[in-house]
Amino acid sequence: MFEPDKIWQTGIAVMLAVAGGLARLLNAKDTQQLQWGRILSELFISGFSGIMVLLLSRNFELSGDWIGVICGMAGWTGPRILDIIAKIVGKSIGMNVPIEQEEENNPENNPGTKL
């Protein structure tokens, strides 16, 4: 899983994912309301998302540049990318994994949203 010659790539991927998660937090409108517990949990989720995407990217033999971009974006999206990965992996092993939608992003709960 983690070859010694790819440890640096793993570290950079995690840092990019955490930076993506931090950028999303700083971009939020309610930055004054953030508490340390939420910040740490969001950054952990972003780092974990980055590792999952890194492993998938290596499987598809993507270049280092693509891996960096994708890991950064995985950190930005956080738990949503984990839902997508769960759905893809579930389909590949024949298991139905439902993706839970957030209230604000669910078109059924927002009549003004076009499908």
PDB file of N, CA and C in Angstrom:
ATOM      1  N   MET A   1       0.826  -1.195   0.000  1.00  0.00           N
ATOM      2  CA  MET A   1       0.000   0.000   0.000  1.00  0.00           C
ATOM      3  C   MET A   1       0.868   1.255   0.000  1.00  0.00           C
ATOM      4  N   PHE A   2       1.755   1.409   0.970  1.00  0.00           N
ATOM      5  CA  PHE A   2       2.626   2.575   1.031  1.00  0.00           C
ATOM      6  C   PHE A   2       4.064   2.127   0.817  1.00  0.00           C
ATOM      7  N   GLU A   3       4.527   2.225  -0.426  1.00  0.00           N
ATOM      8  CA  GLU A   3       5.905   1.867  -0.725  1.00  0.00           C
ATOM      9  C   GLU A   3       6.832   2.961  -0.189  1.00  0.00           C
ATOM     10  N   PRO A   4       8.017   2.576   0.300  1.00  0.00           N
ATOM     11  CA  PRO A   4       8.922   3.568   0.872  1.00  0.00           C
ATOM     12  C   PRO A   4       9.286   4.693  -0.094  1.00  0.00           C
ATOM     13  N   ASP A   5       9.391   4.406  -1.396  1.00  0.00           N
ATOM     14  CA  ASP A   5       9.769   5.461  -2.331  1.00  0.00           C
ATOM     15  C   ASP A   5       8.601   6.393  -2.662  1.00  0.00           C
ATOM     16  N   LYS A   6       7.393   6.089  -2.178  1.00  0.00           N
ATOM     17  CA  LYS A   6       6.240   6.950  -2.442  1.00  0.00           C
ATOM     18  C   LYS A   6       5.718   7.645  -1.188  1.00  0.00           C
ATOM     19  N   ILE A   7       6.480   7.563  -0.107  1.00  0.00           N
ATOM     20  CA  ILE A   7       6.076   8.222   1.137  1.00  0.00           C
ATOM     21  C   ILE A   7       5.973   9.733   0.931  1.00  0.00           C
ATOM     22  N   TRP A   8       6.909  10.324   0.198  1.00  0.00           N
ATOM     23  CA  TRP A   8       6.872  11.768  -0.050  1.00  0.00           C
ATOM     24  C   TRP A   8       5.603  12.138  -0.805  1.00  0.00           C
ATOM     25  N   GLN A   9       5.193  11.302  -1.767  1.00  0.00           N
ATOM     26  CA  GLN A   9       3.977  11.572  -2.531  1.00  0.00           C
ATOM     27  C   GLN A   9       2.757  11.527  -1.611  1.00  0.00           C
ATOM     28  N   THR A  10       2.753  10.595  -0.690  1.00  0.00           N
ATOM     29  CA  THR A  10       1.651  10.488   0.260  1.00  0.00           C
ATOM     30  C   THR A  10       1.589  11.726   1.143  1.00  0.00           C
ATOM     31  N   GLY A  11       2.734  12.171   1.644  1.00  0.00           N
ATOM     32  CA  GLY A  11       2.772  13.367   2.485  1.00  0.00           C
ATOM     33  C   GLY A  11       2.292  14.607   1.753  1.00  0.00           C
ATOM     34  N   ILE A  12       2.733  14.777   0.516  1.00  0.00           N
ATOM     35  CA  ILE A  12       2.307  15.931  -0.277  1.00  0.00           C
ATOM     36  C   ILE A  12       0.816  15.856  -0.565  1.00  0.00           C
ATOM     37  N   ALA A  13       0.306  14.654  -0.885  1.00  0.00           N
ATOM     38  CA  ALA A  13      -1.119  14.490  -1.167  1.00  0.00           C
ATOM     39  C   ALA A  13      -1.959  14.846   0.058  1.00  0.00           C
ATOM     40  N   VAL A  14      -1.533  14.401   1.225  1.00  0.00           N
ATOM     41  CA  VAL A  14      -2.273  14.714   2.451  1.00  0.00           C
ATOM     42  C   VAL A  14      -2.221  16.216   2.734  1.00  0.00           C
ATOM     43  N   MET A  15      -1.060  16.829   2.553  1.00  0.00           N
ATOM     44  CA  MET A  15      -0.947  18.275   2.774  1.00  0.00           C
ATOM     45  C   MET A  15      -1.842  19.054   1.816  1.00  0.00           C
ATOM     46  N   LEU A  16      -1.897  18.629   0.539  1.00  0.00           N
ATOM     47  CA  LEU A  16      -2.773  19.304  -0.422  1.00  0.00           C
ATOM     48  C   LEU A  16      -4.241  19.119  -0.061  1.00  0.00           C
ATOM     49  N   ALA A  17      -4.608  17.924   0.392  1.00  0.00           N
ATOM     50  CA  ALA A  17      -5.993  17.677   0.797  1.00  0.00           C
ATOM     51  C   ALA A  17      -6.359  18.523   2.014  1.00  0.00           C
ATOM     52  N   VAL A  18      -5.467  18.586   2.989  1.00  0.00           N
ATOM     53  CA  VAL A  18      -5.721  19.401   4.180  1.00  0.00           C
ATOM     54  C   VAL A  18      -5.791  20.880   3.801  1.00  0.00           C
ATOM     55  N   ALA A  19      -4.926  21.315   2.884  1.00  0.00           N
ATOM     56  CA  ALA A  19      -4.979  22.701   2.412  1.00  0.00           C
ATOM     57  C   ALA A  19      -6.296  22.980   1.702  1.00  0.00           C
ATOM     58  N   GLY A  20      -6.794  22.009   0.934  1.00  0.00           N
ATOM     59  CA  GLY A  20      -8.095  22.166   0.280  1.00  0.00           C
ATOM     60  C   GLY A  20      -9.218  22.300   1.296  1.00  0.00           C
ATOM     61  N   GLY A  21      -9.175  21.476   2.339  1.00  0.00           N
ATOM     62  CA  GLY A  21     -10.181  21.573   3.393  1.00  0.00           C
ATOM     63  C   GLY A  21     -10.097  22.894   4.139  1.00  0.00           C
ATOM     64  N   LEU A  22      -8.890  23.354   4.406  1.00  0.00           N
ATOM     65  CA  LEU A  22      -8.699  24.639   5.081  1.00  0.00           C
ATOM     66  C   LEU A  22      -9.197  25.786   4.211  1.00  0.00           C
ATOM     67  N   ALA A  23      -8.925  25.711   2.918  1.00  0.00           N
ATOM     68  CA  ALA A  23      -9.401  26.747   1.998  1.00  0.00           C
ATOM     69  C   ALA A  23     -10.928  26.810   1.997  1.00  0.00           C
ATOM     70  N   ARG A  24     -11.568  25.642   2.028  1.00  0.00           N
ATOM     71  CA  ARG A  24     -13.032  25.617   2.069  1.00  0.00           C
ATOM     72  C   ARG A  24     -13.549  26.231   3.361  1.00  0.00           C
ATOM     73  N   LEU A  25     -12.890  25.919   4.486  1.00  0.00           N
ATOM     74  CA  LEU A  25     -13.308  26.501   5.766  1.00  0.00           C
ATOM     75  C   LEU A  25     -13.146  28.011   5.776  1.00  0.00           C
ATOM     76  N   LEU A  26     -12.028  28.482   5.247  1.00  0.00           N
ATOM     77  CA  LEU A  26     -11.781  29.925   5.226  1.00  0.00           C
ATOM     78  C   LEU A  26     -12.689  30.643   4.243  1.00  0.00           C
ATOM     79  N   ASN A  27     -13.169  29.924   3.246  1.00  0.00           N
ATOM     80  CA  ASN A  27     -14.063  30.497   2.247  1.00  0.00           C
ATOM     81  C   ASN A  27     -15.506  30.556   2.744  1.00  0.00           C
ATOM     82  N   ALA A  28     -15.805  29.851   3.822  1.00  0.00           N
ATOM     83  CA  ALA A  28     -17.172  29.807   4.353  1.00  0.00           C
ATOM     84  C   ALA A  28     -17.584  31.186   4.850  1.00  0.00           C
ATOM     85  N   LYS A  29     -18.878  31.445   4.782  1.00  0.00           N
ATOM     86  CA  LYS A  29     -19.402  32.751   5.189  1.00  0.00           C
ATOM     87  C   LYS A  29     -19.406  32.937   6.699  1.00  0.00           C
ATOM     88  N   ASP A  30     -19.458  31.839   7.455  1.00  0.00           N
ATOM     89  CA  ASP A  30     -19.549  31.936   8.909  1.00  0.00           C
ATOM     90  C   ASP A  30     -18.224  31.613   9.593  1.00  0.00           C
ATOM     91  N   THR A  31     -17.117  32.203   9.118  1.00  0.00           N
ATOM     92  CA  THR A  31     -15.799  31.875   9.668  1.00  0.00           C
ATOM     93  C   THR A  31     -15.654  32.320  11.123  1.00  0.00           C
ATOM     94  N   GLN A  32     -16.424  33.312  11.567  1.00  0.00           N
ATOM     95  CA  GLN A  32     -16.322  33.732  12.962  1.00  0.00           C
ATOM     96  C   GLN A  32     -16.910  32.675  13.895  1.00  0.00           C
ATOM     97  N   GLN A  33     -17.780  31.813  13.394  1.00  0.00           N
ATOM     98  CA  GLN A  33     -18.461  30.827  14.202  1.00  0.00           C
ATOM     99  C   GLN A  33     -17.656  29.534  14.378  1.00  0.00           C
ATOM    100  N   LEU A  34     -16.537  29.407  13.689  1.00  0.00           N
ATOM    101  CA  LEU A  34     -15.777  28.151  13.724  1.00  0.00           C
ATOM    102  C   LEU A  34     -15.159  27.907  15.097  1.00  0.00           C
ATOM    103  N   GLN A  35     -15.223  26.649  15.529  1.00  0.00           N
ATOM    104  CA  GLN A  35     -14.618  26.248  16.785  1.00  0.00           C
ATOM    105  C   GLN A  35     -13.503  25.263  16.476  1.00  0.00           C
ATOM    106  N   TRP A  36     -12.543  25.154  17.386  1.00  0.00           N
ATOM    107  CA  TRP A  36     -11.374  24.301  17.153  1.00  0.00           C
ATOM    108  C   TRP A  36     -11.740  22.847  16.875  1.00  0.00           C
ATOM    109  N   GLY A  37     -12.742  22.337  17.568  1.00  0.00           N
ATOM    110  CA  GLY A  37     -13.162  20.955  17.341  1.00  0.00           C
ATOM    111  C   GLY A  37     -13.641  20.729  15.921  1.00  0.00           C
ATOM    112  N   ARG A  38     -14.426  21.656  15.418  1.00  0.00           N
ATOM    113  CA  ARG A  38     -14.923  21.542  14.040  1.00  0.00           C
ATOM    114  C   ARG A  38     -13.784  21.693  13.040  1.00  0.00           C
ATOM    115  N   ILE A  39     -12.885  22.611  13.285  1.00  0.00           N
ATOM    116  CA  ILE A  39     -11.744  22.808  12.379  1.00  0.00           C
ATOM    117  C   ILE A  39     -10.917  21.535  12.299  1.00  0.00           C
ATOM    118  N   LEU A  40     -10.594  20.957  13.453  1.00  0.00           N
ATOM    119  CA  LEU A  40      -9.788  19.735  13.469  1.00  0.00           C
ATOM    120  C   LEU A  40     -10.498  18.570  12.799  1.00  0.00           C
ATOM    121  N   SER A  41     -11.805  18.430  13.035  1.00  0.00           N
ATOM    122  CA  SER A  41     -12.524  17.326  12.401  1.00  0.00           C
ATOM    123  C   SER A  41     -12.600  17.512  10.893  1.00  0.00           C
ATOM    124  N   GLU A  42     -12.818  18.723  10.431  1.00  0.00           N
ATOM    125  CA  GLU A  42     -12.860  18.994   8.987  1.00  0.00           C
ATOM    126  C   GLU A  42     -11.502  18.715   8.341  1.00  0.00           C
ATOM    127  N   LEU A  43     -10.430  19.105   9.002  1.00  0.00           N
ATOM    128  CA  LEU A  43      -9.097  18.872   8.452  1.00  0.00           C
ATOM    129  C   LEU A  43      -8.753  17.388   8.444  1.00  0.00           C
ATOM    130  N   PHE A  44      -9.180  16.653   9.466  1.00  0.00           N
ATOM    131  CA  PHE A  44      -8.969  15.203   9.483  1.00  0.00           C
ATOM    132  C   PHE A  44      -9.714  14.537   8.333  1.00  0.00           C
ATOM    133  N   ILE A  45     -10.975  14.916   8.151  1.00  0.00           N
ATOM    134  CA  ILE A  45     -11.774  14.348   7.060  1.00  0.00           C
ATOM    135  C   ILE A  45     -11.145  14.687   5.714  1.00  0.00           C
ATOM    136  N   SER A  46     -10.645  15.896   5.559  1.00  0.00           N
ATOM    137  CA  SER A  46      -9.997  16.293   4.311  1.00  0.00           C
ATOM    138  C   SER A  46      -8.749  15.457   4.056  1.00  0.00           C
ATOM    139  N   GLY A  47      -7.932  15.246   5.087  1.00  0.00           N
ATOM    140  CA  GLY A  47      -6.736  14.420   4.940  1.00  0.00           C
ATOM    141  C   GLY A  47      -7.069  12.981   4.599  1.00  0.00           C
ATOM    142  N   PHE A  48      -8.089  12.428   5.255  1.00  0.00           N
ATOM    143  CA  PHE A  48      -8.523  11.063   4.968  1.00  0.00           C
ATOM    144  C   PHE A  48      -9.043  10.952   3.535  1.00  0.00           C
ATOM    145  N   SER A  49      -9.808  11.937   3.106  1.00  0.00           N
ATOM    146  CA  SER A  49     -10.303  11.955   1.720  1.00  0.00           C
ATOM    147  C   SER A  49      -9.138  11.977   0.742  1.00  0.00           C
ATOM    148  N   GLY A  50      -8.123  12.770   1.060  1.00  0.00           N
ATOM    149  CA  GLY A  50      -6.941  12.840   0.199  1.00  0.00           C
ATOM    150  C   GLY A  50      -6.226  11.509   0.081  1.00  0.00           C
ATOM    151  N   ILE A  51      -6.114  10.785   1.182  1.00  0.00           N
ATOM    152  CA  ILE A  51      -5.454   9.472   1.137  1.00  0.00           C
ATOM    153  C   ILE A  51      -6.260   8.490   0.294  1.00  0.00           C
ATOM    154  N   MET A  52      -7.581   8.483   0.451  1.00  0.00           N
ATOM    155  CA  MET A  52      -8.420   7.571  -0.340  1.00  0.00           C
ATOM    156  C   MET A  52      -8.287   7.876  -1.836  1.00  0.00           C
ATOM    157  N   VAL A  53      -8.305   9.151  -2.173  1.00  0.00           N
ATOM    158  CA  VAL A  53      -8.175   9.542  -3.576  1.00  0.00           C
ATOM    159  C   VAL A  53      -6.770   9.243  -4.090  1.00  0.00           C
ATOM    160  N   LEU A  54      -5.769   9.417  -3.259  1.00  0.00           N
ATOM    161  CA  LEU A  54      -4.405   9.079  -3.653  1.00  0.00           C
ATOM    162  C   LEU A  54      -4.300   7.604  -4.022  1.00  0.00           C
ATOM    163  N   LEU A  55      -4.858   6.743  -3.186  1.00  0.00           N
ATOM    164  CA  LEU A  55      -4.794   5.307  -3.461  1.00  0.00           C
ATOM    165  C   LEU A  55      -5.527   4.949  -4.753  1.00  0.00           C
ATOM    166  N   LEU A  56      -6.688   5.565  -4.970  1.00  0.00           N
ATOM    167  CA  LEU A  56      -7.410   5.321  -6.220  1.00  0.00           C
ATOM    168  C   LEU A  56      -6.640   5.858  -7.420  1.00  0.00           C
ATOM    169  N   SER A  57      -6.035   7.027  -7.265  1.00  0.00           N
ATOM    170  CA  SER A  57      -5.277   7.632  -8.362  1.00  0.00           C
ATOM    171  C   SER A  57      -4.074   6.780  -8.741  1.00  0.00           C
ATOM    172  N   ARG A  58      -3.415   6.221  -7.747  1.00  0.00           N
ATOM    173  CA  ARG A  58      -2.291   5.323  -8.040  1.00  0.00           C
ATOM    174  C   ARG A  58      -2.772   4.088  -8.787  1.00  0.00           C
ATOM    175  N   ASN A  59      -3.940   3.589  -8.423  1.00  0.00           N
ATOM    176  CA  ASN A  59      -4.496   2.423  -9.093  1.00  0.00           C
ATOM    177  C   ASN A  59      -4.746   2.703 -10.577  1.00  0.00           C
ATOM    178  N   PHE A  60      -5.162   3.930 -10.883  1.00  0.00           N
ATOM    179  CA  PHE A  60      -5.410   4.315 -12.273  1.00  0.00           C
ATOM    180  C   PHE A  60      -4.158   4.879 -12.951  1.00  0.00           C
ATOM    181  N   GLU A  61      -3.022   4.828 -12.240  1.00  0.00           N
ATOM    182  CA  GLU A  61      -1.720   5.243 -12.758  1.00  0.00           C
ATOM    183  C   GLU A  61      -1.724   6.670 -13.315  1.00  0.00           C
ATOM    184  N   LEU A  62      -2.311   7.589 -12.542  1.00  0.00           N
ATOM    185  CA  LEU A  62      -2.318   8.991 -12.931  1.00  0.00           C
ATOM    186  C   LEU A  62      -0.957   9.617 -12.646  1.00  0.00           C
ATOM    187  N   SER A  63      -0.653  10.698 -13.330  1.00  0.00           N
ATOM    188  CA  SER A  63       0.614  11.391 -13.104  1.00  0.00           C
ATOM    189  C   SER A  63       0.594  12.089 -11.744  1.00  0.00           C
ATOM    190  N   GLY A  64       1.768  12.451 -11.274  1.00  0.00           N
ATOM    191  CA  GLY A  64       1.883  13.126  -9.980  1.00  0.00           C
ATOM    192  C   GLY A  64       1.146  14.448  -9.944  1.00  0.00           C
ATOM    193  N   ASP A  65       1.142  15.176 -11.057  1.00  0.00           N
ATOM    194  CA  ASP A  65       0.424  16.449 -11.104  1.00  0.00           C
ATOM    195  C   ASP A  65      -1.076  16.247 -10.950  1.00  0.00           C
ATOM    196  N   TRP A  66      -1.615  15.258 -11.664  1.00  0.00           N
ATOM    197  CA  TRP A  66      -3.044  14.972 -11.549  1.00  0.00           C
ATOM    198  C   TRP A  66      -3.395  14.516 -10.140  1.00  0.00           C
ATOM    199  N   ILE A  67      -2.534  13.700  -9.571  1.00  0.00           N
ATOM    200  CA  ILE A  67      -2.785  13.222  -8.207  1.00  0.00           C
ATOM    201  C   ILE A  67      -2.857  14.409  -7.249  1.00  0.00           C
ATOM    202  N   GLY A  68      -1.950  15.357  -7.402  1.00  0.00           N
ATOM    203  CA  GLY A  68      -1.959  16.541  -6.540  1.00  0.00           C
ATOM    204  C   GLY A  68      -3.233  17.347  -6.678  1.00  0.00           C
ATOM    205  N   VAL A  69      -3.659  17.570  -7.900  1.00  0.00           N
ATOM    206  CA  VAL A  69      -4.886  18.335  -8.137  1.00  0.00           C
ATOM    207  C   VAL A  69      -6.095  17.611  -7.550  1.00  0.00           C
ATOM    208  N   ILE A  70      -6.184  16.332  -7.815  1.00  0.00           N
ATOM    209  CA  ILE A  70      -7.340  15.558  -7.356  1.00  0.00           C
ATOM    210  C   ILE A  70      -7.363  15.464  -5.827  1.00  0.00           C
ATOM    211  N   CYS A  71      -6.204  15.310  -5.206  1.00  0.00           N
ATOM    212  CA  CYS A  71      -6.161  15.239  -3.740  1.00  0.00           C
ATOM    213  C   CYS A  71      -6.550  16.577  -3.115  1.00  0.00           C
ATOM    214  N   GLY A  72      -6.109  17.671  -3.707  1.00  0.00           N
ATOM    215  CA  GLY A  72      -6.514  18.987  -3.212  1.00  0.00           C
ATOM    216  C   GLY A  72      -8.015  19.191  -3.314  1.00  0.00           C
ATOM    217  N   MET A  73      -8.586  18.778  -4.431  1.00  0.00           N
ATOM    218  CA  MET A  73     -10.032  18.897  -4.605  1.00  0.00           C
ATOM    219  C   MET A  73     -10.786  17.946  -3.674  1.00  0.00           C
ATOM    220  N   ALA A  74     -10.200  16.784  -3.407  1.00  0.00           N
ATOM    221  CA  ALA A  74     -10.829  15.854  -2.456  1.00  0.00           C
ATOM    222  C   ALA A  74     -10.881  16.485  -1.069  1.00  0.00           C
ATOM    223  N   GLY A  75      -9.827  17.204  -0.698  1.00  0.00           N
ATOM    224  CA  GLY A  75      -9.836  17.904   0.584  1.00  0.00           C
ATOM    225  C   GLY A  75     -10.888  18.994   0.621  1.00  0.00           C
ATOM    226  N   TRP A  76     -11.076  19.684  -0.505  1.00  0.00           N
ATOM    227  CA  TRP A  76     -12.087  20.746  -0.594  1.00  0.00           C
ATOM    228  C   TRP A  76     -13.490  20.167  -0.417  1.00  0.00           C
ATOM    229  N   THR A  77     -13.755  19.025  -1.061  1.00  0.00           N
ATOM    230  CA  THR A  77     -15.097  18.450  -1.008  1.00  0.00           C
ATOM    231  C   THR A  77     -15.334  17.627   0.249  1.00  0.00           C
ATOM    232  N   GLY A  78     -14.274  17.104   0.857  1.00  0.00           N
ATOM    233  CA  GLY A  78     -14.382  16.386   2.125  1.00  0.00           C
ATOM    234  C   GLY A  78     -15.290  15.175   2.097  1.00  0.00           C
ATOM    235  N   PRO A  79     -16.321  15.155   2.943  1.00  0.00           N
ATOM    236  CA  PRO A  79     -17.163  13.967   3.065  1.00  0.00           C
ATOM    237  C   PRO A  79     -17.934  13.611   1.790  1.00  0.00           C
ATOM    238  N   ARG A  80     -18.203  14.596   0.943  1.00  0.00           N
ATOM    239  CA  ARG A  80     -18.956  14.296  -0.280  1.00  0.00           C
ATOM    240  C   ARG A  80     -18.178  13.371  -1.197  1.00  0.00           C
ATOM    241  N   ILE A  81     -16.864  13.552  -1.292  1.00  0.00           N
ATOM    242  CA  ILE A  81     -16.062  12.665  -2.145  1.00  0.00           C
ATOM    243  C   ILE A  81     -16.032  11.261  -1.553  1.00  0.00           C
ATOM    244  N   LEU A  82     -16.071  11.153  -0.237  1.00  0.00           N
ATOM    245  CA  LEU A  82     -16.104   9.832   0.396  1.00  0.00           C
ATOM    246  C   LEU A  82     -17.407   9.107   0.066  1.00  0.00           C
ATOM    247  N   ASP A  83     -18.515   9.857  -0.004  1.00  0.00           N
ATOM    248  CA  ASP A  83     -19.787   9.247  -0.413  1.00  0.00           C
ATOM    249  C   ASP A  83     -19.699   8.713  -1.841  1.00  0.00           C
ATOM    250  N   ILE A  84     -19.085   9.478  -2.722  1.00  0.00           N
ATOM    251  CA  ILE A  84     -18.949   9.062  -4.122  1.00  0.00           C
ATOM    252  C   ILE A  84     -18.057   7.829  -4.225  1.00  0.00           C
ATOM    253  N   ILE A  85     -16.946   7.836  -3.506  1.00  0.00           N
ATOM    254  CA  ILE A  85     -16.041   6.677  -3.518  1.00  0.00           C
ATOM    255  C   ILE A  85     -16.767   5.441  -2.979  1.00  0.00           C
ATOM    256  N   ALA A  86     -17.541   5.619  -1.910  1.00  0.00           N
ATOM    257  CA  ALA A  86     -18.294   4.492  -1.349  1.00  0.00           C
ATOM    258  C   ALA A  86     -19.275   3.931  -2.373  1.00  0.00           C
ATOM    259  N   LYS A  87     -19.913   4.801  -3.128  1.00  0.00           N
ATOM    260  CA  LYS A  87     -20.861   4.353  -4.143  1.00  0.00           C
ATOM    261  C   LYS A  87     -20.138   3.582  -5.253  1.00  0.00           C
ATOM    262  N   ILE A  88     -18.997   4.088  -5.712  1.00  0.00           N
ATOM    263  CA  ILE A  88     -18.231   3.427  -6.779  1.00  0.00           C
ATOM    264  C   ILE A  88     -17.721   2.068  -6.314  1.00  0.00           C
ATOM    265  N   VAL A  89     -17.142   2.030  -5.130  1.00  0.00           N
ATOM    266  CA  VAL A  89     -16.615   0.772  -4.600  1.00  0.00           C
ATOM    267  C   VAL A  89     -17.766  -0.203  -4.353  1.00  0.00           C
ATOM    268  N   GLY A  90     -18.877   0.294  -3.836  1.00  0.00           N
ATOM    269  CA  GLY A  90     -20.034  -0.561  -3.602  1.00  0.00           C
ATOM    270  C   GLY A  90     -20.544  -1.202  -4.881  1.00  0.00           C
ATOM    271  N   LYS A  91     -20.597  -0.421  -5.959  1.00  0.00           N
ATOM    272  CA  LYS A  91     -21.037  -0.976  -7.244  1.00  0.00           C
ATOM    273  C   LYS A  91     -20.063  -2.033  -7.747  1.00  0.00           C
ATOM    274  N   SER A  92     -18.778  -1.782  -7.555  1.00  0.00           N
ATOM    275  CA  SER A  92     -17.791  -2.723  -8.075  1.00  0.00           C
ATOM    276  C   SER A  92     -17.803  -4.058  -7.332  1.00  0.00           C
ATOM    277  N   ILE A  93     -18.275  -4.060  -6.086  1.00  0.00           N
ATOM    278  CA  ILE A  93     -18.350  -5.324  -5.349  1.00  0.00           C
ATOM    279  C   ILE A  93     -19.781  -5.841  -5.244  1.00  0.00           C
ATOM    280  N   GLY A  94     -20.722  -5.165  -5.935  1.00  0.00           N
ATOM    281  CA  GLY A  94     -22.104  -5.622  -5.973  1.00  0.00           C
ATOM    282  C   GLY A  94     -22.921  -5.266  -4.755  1.00  0.00           C
ATOM    283  N   MET A  95     -22.597  -4.149  -4.121  1.00  0.00           N
ATOM    284  CA  MET A  95     -23.310  -3.726  -2.919  1.00  0.00           C
ATOM    285  C   MET A  95     -23.928  -2.357  -3.177  1.00  0.00           C
ATOM    286  N   ASN A  96     -25.176  -2.160  -2.808  1.00  0.00           N
ATOM    287  CA  ASN A  96     -25.837  -0.880  -3.003  1.00  0.00           C
ATOM    288  C   ASN A  96     -25.550   0.022  -1.811  1.00  0.00           C
ATOM    289  N   VAL A  97     -24.829   1.129  -2.057  1.00  0.00           N
ATOM    290  CA  VAL A  97     -24.485   2.077  -0.999  1.00  0.00           C
ATOM    291  C   VAL A  97     -25.217   3.377  -1.285  1.00  0.00           C
ATOM    292  N   PRO A  98     -26.251   3.715  -0.482  1.00  0.00           N
ATOM    293  CA  PRO A  98     -26.967   4.970  -0.732  1.00  0.00           C
ATOM    294  C   PRO A  98     -26.112   6.163  -0.331  1.00  0.00           C
ATOM    295  N   ILE A  99     -26.202   7.221  -1.116  1.00  0.00           N
ATOM    296  CA  ILE A  99     -25.492   8.465  -0.803  1.00  0.00           C
ATOM    297  C   ILE A  99     -26.486   9.410  -0.145  1.00  0.00           C
ATOM    298  N   GLU A 100     -26.149   9.868   1.055  1.00  0.00           N
ATOM    299  CA  GLU A 100     -27.009  10.813   1.752  1.00  0.00           C
ATOM    300  C   GLU A 100     -26.711  12.201   1.228  1.00  0.00           C
ATOM    301  N   GLN A 101     -27.766  12.943   0.889  1.00  0.00           N
ATOM    302  CA  GLN A 101     -27.602  14.298   0.394  1.00  0.00           C
ATOM    303  C   GLN A 101     -27.798  15.273   1.536  1.00  0.00           C
ATOM    304  N   GLU A 102     -27.036  16.377   1.471  1.00  0.00           N
ATOM    305  CA  GLU A 102     -27.201  17.414   2.470  1.00  0.00           C
ATOM    306  C   GLU A 102     -28.519  18.126   2.218  1.00  0.00           C
ATOM    307  N   GLU A 103     -29.118  18.654   3.265  1.00  0.00           N
ATOM    308  CA  GLU A 103     -30.408  19.331   3.158  1.00  0.00           C
ATOM    309  C   GLU A 103     -30.364  20.470   2.149  1.00  0.00           C
ATOM    310  N   GLU A 104     -29.343  21.316   2.205  1.00  0.00           N
ATOM    311  CA  GLU A 104     -29.292  22.490   1.339  1.00  0.00           C
ATOM    312  C   GLU A 104     -29.019  22.132  -0.117  1.00  0.00           C
ATOM    313  N   ASN A 105     -28.388  20.993  -0.379  1.00  0.00           N
ATOM    314  CA  ASN A 105     -28.070  20.595  -1.741  1.00  0.00           C
ATOM    315  C   ASN A 105     -29.104  19.650  -2.328  1.00  0.00           C
ATOM    316  N   ASN A 106     -30.129  19.299  -1.574  1.00  0.00           N
ATOM    317  CA  ASN A 106     -31.127  18.363  -2.042  1.00  0.00           C
ATOM    318  C   ASN A 106     -32.193  19.116  -2.830  1.00  0.00           C
ATOM    319  N   PRO A 107     -32.313  18.858  -4.170  1.00  0.00           N
ATOM    320  CA  PRO A 107     -33.296  19.584  -4.976  1.00  0.00           C
ATOM    321  C   PRO A 107     -34.735  19.362  -4.520  1.00  0.00           C
ATOM    322  N   GLU A 108     -35.015  18.240  -3.854  1.00  0.00           N
ATOM    323  CA  GLU A 108     -36.370  17.979  -3.382  1.00  0.00           C
ATOM    324  C   GLU A 108     -36.763  18.949  -2.271  1.00  0.00           C
ATOM    325  N   ASN A 109     -35.772  19.420  -1.506  1.00  0.00           N
ATOM    326  CA  ASN A 109     -36.052  20.334  -0.404  1.00  0.00           C
ATOM    327  C   ASN A 109     -35.949  21.797  -0.813  1.00  0.00           C
ATOM    328  N   ASN A 110     -35.515  22.060  -2.029  1.00  0.00           N
ATOM    329  CA  ASN A 110     -35.342  23.419  -2.506  1.00  0.00           C
ATOM    330  C   ASN A 110     -36.098  23.567  -3.814  1.00  0.00           C
ATOM    331  N   PRO A 111     -37.346  24.037  -3.779  1.00  0.00           N
ATOM    332  CA  PRO A 111     -38.166  24.083  -4.988  1.00  0.00           C
ATOM    333  C   PRO A 111     -37.608  24.986  -6.075  1.00  0.00           C
ATOM    334  N   GLY A 112     -36.741  25.938  -5.749  1.00  0.00           N
ATOM    335  CA  GLY A 112     -36.189  26.838  -6.750  1.00  0.00           C
ATOM    336  C   GLY A 112     -35.049  26.244  -7.545  1.00  0.00           C
ATOM    337  N   THR A 113     -34.583  25.052  -7.150  1.00  0.00           N
ATOM    338  CA  THR A 113     -33.454  24.409  -7.834  1.00  0.00           C
ATOM    339  C   THR A 113     -33.941  23.668  -9.052  1.00  0.00           C
ATOM    340  N   LYS A 114     -33.278  23.902 -10.177  1.00  0.00           N
ATOM    341  CA  LYS A 114     -33.608  23.172 -11.397  1.00  0.00           C
ATOM    342  C   LYS A 114     -32.813  21.884 -11.441  1.00  0.00           C
ATOM    343  N   LEU A 115     -33.433  20.840 -11.925  1.00  0.00           N
ATOM    344  CA  LEU A 115     -32.751  19.550 -12.048  1.00  0.00           C
ATOM    345  C   LEU A 115     -31.977  19.471 -13.323  1.00  0.00           C
TER     346      LEU A 115
END
